[in-house]
Amino acid sequence: MDSIKIIEIQELGDLVESQKYFFKKIFKNKVSILDVYYSLILHNKVIREYGEDIDYNYLEYDIFDGNNIDTNKRYDIVYSFEFCHYKFWKRYLKQATKIAKKYVLIEISTTKNHKTLDNIETCYYPSPSPFKEINKTPEKLPFIIHNLNELIEFCKNQLPISNIYLYLYNIRGSTSLFPIPQKDLLKGAMLLKIGKAEKIKTNIKIK
């Protein structure tokens, strides 16, 4: 993977609604966290706001060829800011749920009214500064907008989970690069609880 400058999320105010919502629930004292990143990671200052003695680790992930998450260790929580850029998202979720002991947390962009959009020519995000200035960084980043029902059904049928929690809200700001109306877009986070259940429970909160 080409070298990417890491941007650290250093203040609580830099977190979005869905991050704060789930961090309060799962970032507790003495948990281990693996932050799987392409360019964004948490800063210890932010983590300390949620709990004492948190074992925080981060690991670079290549969103362009979907290599395995390179670790033999398991963690209580496996988390990623940038799931919406993961072209090989099914592979990522299968890997993450094997590594996680308790939870997998991902940020997502979804729609109820359209099929999953994953064509980089029509649904993408321009490489933001400072990435534009780094050699070989593509001008377009994949940006996957998941059909919400399709994503939920994949998780239920393919992953070792017992519960699905979603916190969603309407996308704010410009969405001119996306081929569906802004009113049909929902952004937020999905929390997958690791475990076995006869019937997987789904809890959806939409603001």
Protein backbone atom coordinates (compact mmCIF):
# COMPACT_ATOMS: atom_id res chain seq x y z
CA MET A 1 0.00 0.00 0.00
CA ASP A 2 1.26 3.48 -0.83
CA SER A 3 2.28 5.63 2.09
CA ILE A 4 -0.62 7.68 3.43
CA LYS A 5 -0.43 10.49 5.93
CA ILE A 6 -2.41 9.52 9.03
CA ILE A 7 -4.95 12.04 10.30
CA GLU A 8 -5.67 11.70 14.02
CA ILE A 9 -9.07 12.55 15.43
CA GLN A 10 -7.85 14.59 18.39
CA GLU A 11 -10.93 16.21 19.92
CA LEU A 12 -14.33 14.89 20.98
CA GLY A 13 -15.88 17.60 18.82
CA ASP A 14 -14.31 16.00 15.74
CA LEU A 15 -16.39 12.85 16.22
CA VAL A 16 -19.71 12.53 14.42
CA GLU A 17 -23.01 11.67 16.12
CA SER A 18 -22.92 7.95 15.49
CA GLN A 19 -19.35 7.60 16.79
CA LYS A 20 -20.20 9.35 20.05
CA TYR A 21 -23.39 7.30 20.39
CA PHE A 22 -21.67 3.92 20.17
CA PHE A 23 -18.37 4.88 21.80
CA LYS A 24 -20.27 5.69 25.00
CA LYS A 25 -21.81 2.22 24.94
CA ILE A 26 -18.76 0.06 24.18
CA PHE A 27 -15.56 1.97 24.98
CA LYS A 28 -15.40 0.94 28.62
CA ASN A 29 -12.61 0.44 31.13
CA LYS A 30 -10.06 -2.27 30.32
CA VAL A 31 -11.23 -3.15 26.81
CA SER A 32 -8.94 -3.86 23.87
CA ILE A 33 -9.59 -2.03 20.60
CA LEU A 34 -8.28 -2.54 17.08
CA ASP A 35 -8.78 0.55 14.91
CA VAL A 36 -8.52 -0.58 11.27
CA TYR A 37 -7.68 2.46 9.18
CA TYR A 38 -6.97 3.76 5.71
CA SER A 39 -6.18 7.32 6.77
CA LEU A 40 -8.08 8.22 9.96
CA ILE A 41 -7.35 6.97 13.48
CA LEU A 42 -8.31 7.96 16.99
CA HIS A 43 -6.05 9.89 19.32
CA ASN A 44 -5.37 8.70 22.86
CA LYS A 45 -6.84 11.94 24.16
CA VAL A 46 -10.23 11.00 22.70
CA ILE A 47 -10.04 7.39 23.90
CA ARG A 48 -9.28 8.43 27.48
CA GLU A 49 -12.57 10.35 27.59
CA TYR A 50 -14.43 7.04 27.39
CA GLY A 51 -12.59 4.75 29.76
CA GLU A 52 -9.52 3.95 31.82
CA ASP A 53 -6.80 1.49 30.86
CA ILE A 54 -8.03 0.95 27.30
CA ASP A 55 -5.67 -1.17 25.20
CA TYR A 56 -5.77 0.78 21.93
CA ASN A 57 -4.11 -0.54 18.75
CA TYR A 58 -4.34 0.46 15.10
CA LEU A 59 -3.61 -1.33 11.87
CA GLU A 60 -3.35 -0.13 8.27
CA TYR A 61 -5.80 -1.69 5.79
CA ASP A 62 -5.46 -1.60 2.01
CA ILE A 63 -8.87 -0.59 0.69
CA PHE A 64 -7.78 -1.10 -2.91
CA ASP A 65 -6.92 -4.80 -2.88
CA GLY A 66 -8.65 -6.06 0.25
CA ASN A 67 -5.72 -7.88 1.85
CA ASN A 68 -6.37 -9.79 5.03
CA ILE A 69 -6.32 -7.88 8.30
CA ASP A 70 -2.77 -8.70 9.32
CA THR A 71 -3.01 -9.83 12.93
CA ASN A 72 -3.08 -13.06 14.87
CA LYS A 73 -4.37 -11.36 18.01
CA ARG A 74 -8.02 -10.98 18.97
CA TYR A 75 -9.53 -7.79 20.37
CA ASP A 76 -12.72 -6.94 22.25
CA ILE A 77 -13.68 -4.35 19.62
CA VAL A 78 -12.69 -4.04 15.96
CA TYR A 79 -13.54 -0.60 14.61
CA SER A 80 -13.20 1.34 11.35
CA PHE A 81 -13.99 4.93 10.43
CA GLU A 82 -13.78 4.19 6.72
CA PHE A 83 -15.90 1.16 5.89
CA CYS A 84 -17.70 3.16 3.18
CA HIS A 85 -14.44 3.12 1.16
CA TYR A 86 -13.88 -0.65 1.42
CA LYS A 87 -14.45 -2.14 -2.01
CA PHE A 88 -14.04 -5.63 -0.54
CA TRP A 89 -16.45 -4.94 2.29
CA LYS A 90 -17.79 -8.50 2.60
CA ARG A 91 -14.29 -9.87 3.03
CA TYR A 92 -13.52 -7.19 5.60
CA LEU A 93 -16.59 -8.00 7.71
CA LYS A 94 -15.84 -11.72 7.68
CA GLN A 95 -12.28 -11.01 8.82
CA ALA A 96 -13.30 -8.45 11.45
CA THR A 97 -15.91 -10.72 13.07
CA LYS A 98 -13.30 -13.46 13.43
CA ILE A 99 -10.87 -11.12 15.19
CA ALA A 100 -13.44 -9.41 17.45
CA LYS A 101 -14.37 -10.96 20.78
CA LYS A 102 -17.32 -8.68 21.50
CA TYR A 103 -18.14 -6.10 18.81
CA VAL A 104 -17.43 -4.91 15.29
CA LEU A 105 -18.22 -1.24 14.72
CA ILE A 106 -18.31 0.34 11.27
CA GLU A 107 -19.39 3.66 9.83
CA ILE A 108 -21.81 3.27 6.94
CA SER A 109 -23.64 5.20 4.24
CA THR A 110 -26.93 3.59 3.28
CA THR A 111 -30.15 3.91 1.34
CA LYS A 112 -33.50 2.21 1.70
CA ASN A 113 -34.80 3.04 -1.75
CA HIS A 114 -31.97 2.08 -4.11
CA LYS A 115 -29.78 -0.93 -4.74
CA THR A 116 -26.23 -0.97 -3.36
CA LEU A 117 -24.03 1.50 -5.24
CA ASP A 118 -20.41 0.41 -5.61
CA ASN A 119 -19.30 1.56 -9.07
CA ILE A 120 -16.36 3.92 -8.55
CA GLU A 121 -17.11 5.72 -11.82
CA THR A 122 -20.52 6.87 -10.61
CA CYS A 123 -20.23 6.76 -6.83
CA TYR A 124 -16.95 8.00 -5.39
CA TYR A 125 -15.34 10.49 -3.09
CA PRO A 126 -12.52 12.71 -4.34
CA SER A 127 -9.23 12.11 -2.52
CA PRO A 128 -9.23 14.85 0.12
CA SER A 129 -6.26 17.02 0.96
CA PRO A 130 -3.59 16.08 1.99
CA PHE A 131 -3.97 12.84 0.02
CA LYS A 132 -4.05 14.59 -3.35
CA GLU A 133 -0.45 15.63 -2.89
CA ILE A 134 0.83 12.13 -2.13
CA ASN A 135 2.27 10.25 -5.10
CA LYS A 136 0.09 7.48 -6.52
CA THR A 137 -2.91 8.36 -4.39
CA PRO A 138 -5.92 7.96 -6.70
CA GLU A 139 -8.08 10.96 -7.51
CA LYS A 140 -11.17 8.93 -6.67
CA LEU A 141 -11.76 6.86 -3.55
CA PRO A 142 -14.38 4.10 -3.65
CA PHE A 143 -17.53 5.18 -1.84
CA ILE A 144 -20.03 2.40 -1.22
CA ILE A 145 -23.65 3.28 -0.48
CA HIS A 146 -25.24 0.12 0.87
CA ASN A 147 -28.84 -0.84 0.43
CA LEU A 148 -29.79 -1.10 4.10
CA ASN A 149 -31.79 -4.32 3.83
CA GLU A 150 -29.12 -6.02 1.73
CA LEU A 151 -26.42 -5.10 4.26
CA ILE A 152 -28.50 -6.35 7.19
CA GLU A 153 -29.32 -9.63 5.44
CA PHE A 154 -25.67 -10.24 4.57
CA CYS A 155 -24.69 -9.73 8.21
CA LYS A 156 -27.43 -12.02 9.47
CA ASN A 157 -26.67 -14.81 7.02
CA GLN A 158 -22.87 -14.67 6.77
CA LEU A 159 -21.49 -13.45 10.10
CA PRO A 160 -21.24 -14.98 13.61
CA ILE A 161 -23.35 -12.34 15.34
CA SER A 162 -26.29 -12.20 17.73
CA ASN A 163 -27.38 -8.55 17.46
CA ILE A 164 -27.28 -5.67 14.97
CA TYR A 165 -27.59 -2.06 16.15
CA LEU A 166 -27.88 0.88 13.75
CA TYR A 167 -27.80 4.61 14.43
CA LEU A 168 -28.60 6.58 11.26
CA TYR A 169 -29.39 10.14 10.18
CA ASN A 170 -29.70 12.08 6.94
CA ILE A 171 -26.42 12.95 5.23
CA ARG A 172 -25.56 16.63 5.54
CA GLY A 173 -23.60 18.75 3.10
CA SER A 174 -23.03 18.25 -0.60
CA THR A 175 -23.78 14.86 -2.12
CA SER A 176 -23.48 15.96 -5.74
CA LEU A 177 -20.98 13.16 -6.47
CA PHE A 178 -23.53 10.48 -5.59
CA PRO A 179 -26.07 9.30 -8.19
CA ILE A 180 -29.11 9.32 -5.89
CA PRO A 181 -31.01 12.18 -4.20
CA GLN A 182 -29.70 13.44 -0.87
CA LYS A 183 -33.06 12.73 0.80
CA ASP A 184 -32.53 9.01 0.11
CA LEU A 185 -29.13 8.85 1.86
CA LEU A 186 -28.60 7.84 5.47
CA LYS A 187 -25.25 8.01 7.26
CA GLY A 188 -24.32 6.57 10.61
CA ALA A 189 -22.87 3.47 12.18
CA MET A 190 -23.58 -0.23 12.55
CA LEU A 191 -22.61 -2.19 15.65
CA LEU A 192 -22.41 -5.98 15.34
CA LYS A 193 -22.42 -8.00 18.56
CA ILE A 194 -20.39 -11.19 18.28
CA GLY A 195 -22.17 -14.39 19.33
CA LYS A 196 -24.65 -17.06 18.37
CA ALA A 197 -28.41 -16.67 18.34
CA GLU A 198 -31.33 -18.58 16.88
CA LYS A 199 -32.84 -15.30 15.82
CA ILE A 200 -30.58 -12.29 15.26
CA LYS A 201 -32.11 -9.12 16.69
CA THR A 202 -31.95 -5.84 14.77
CA ASN A 203 -32.38 -2.45 16.42
CA ILE A 204 -32.53 0.59 14.12
CA LYS A 205 -32.55 4.17 15.38
CA ILE A 206 -33.06 6.87 12.71
CA LYS A 207 -32.84 10.54 13.72
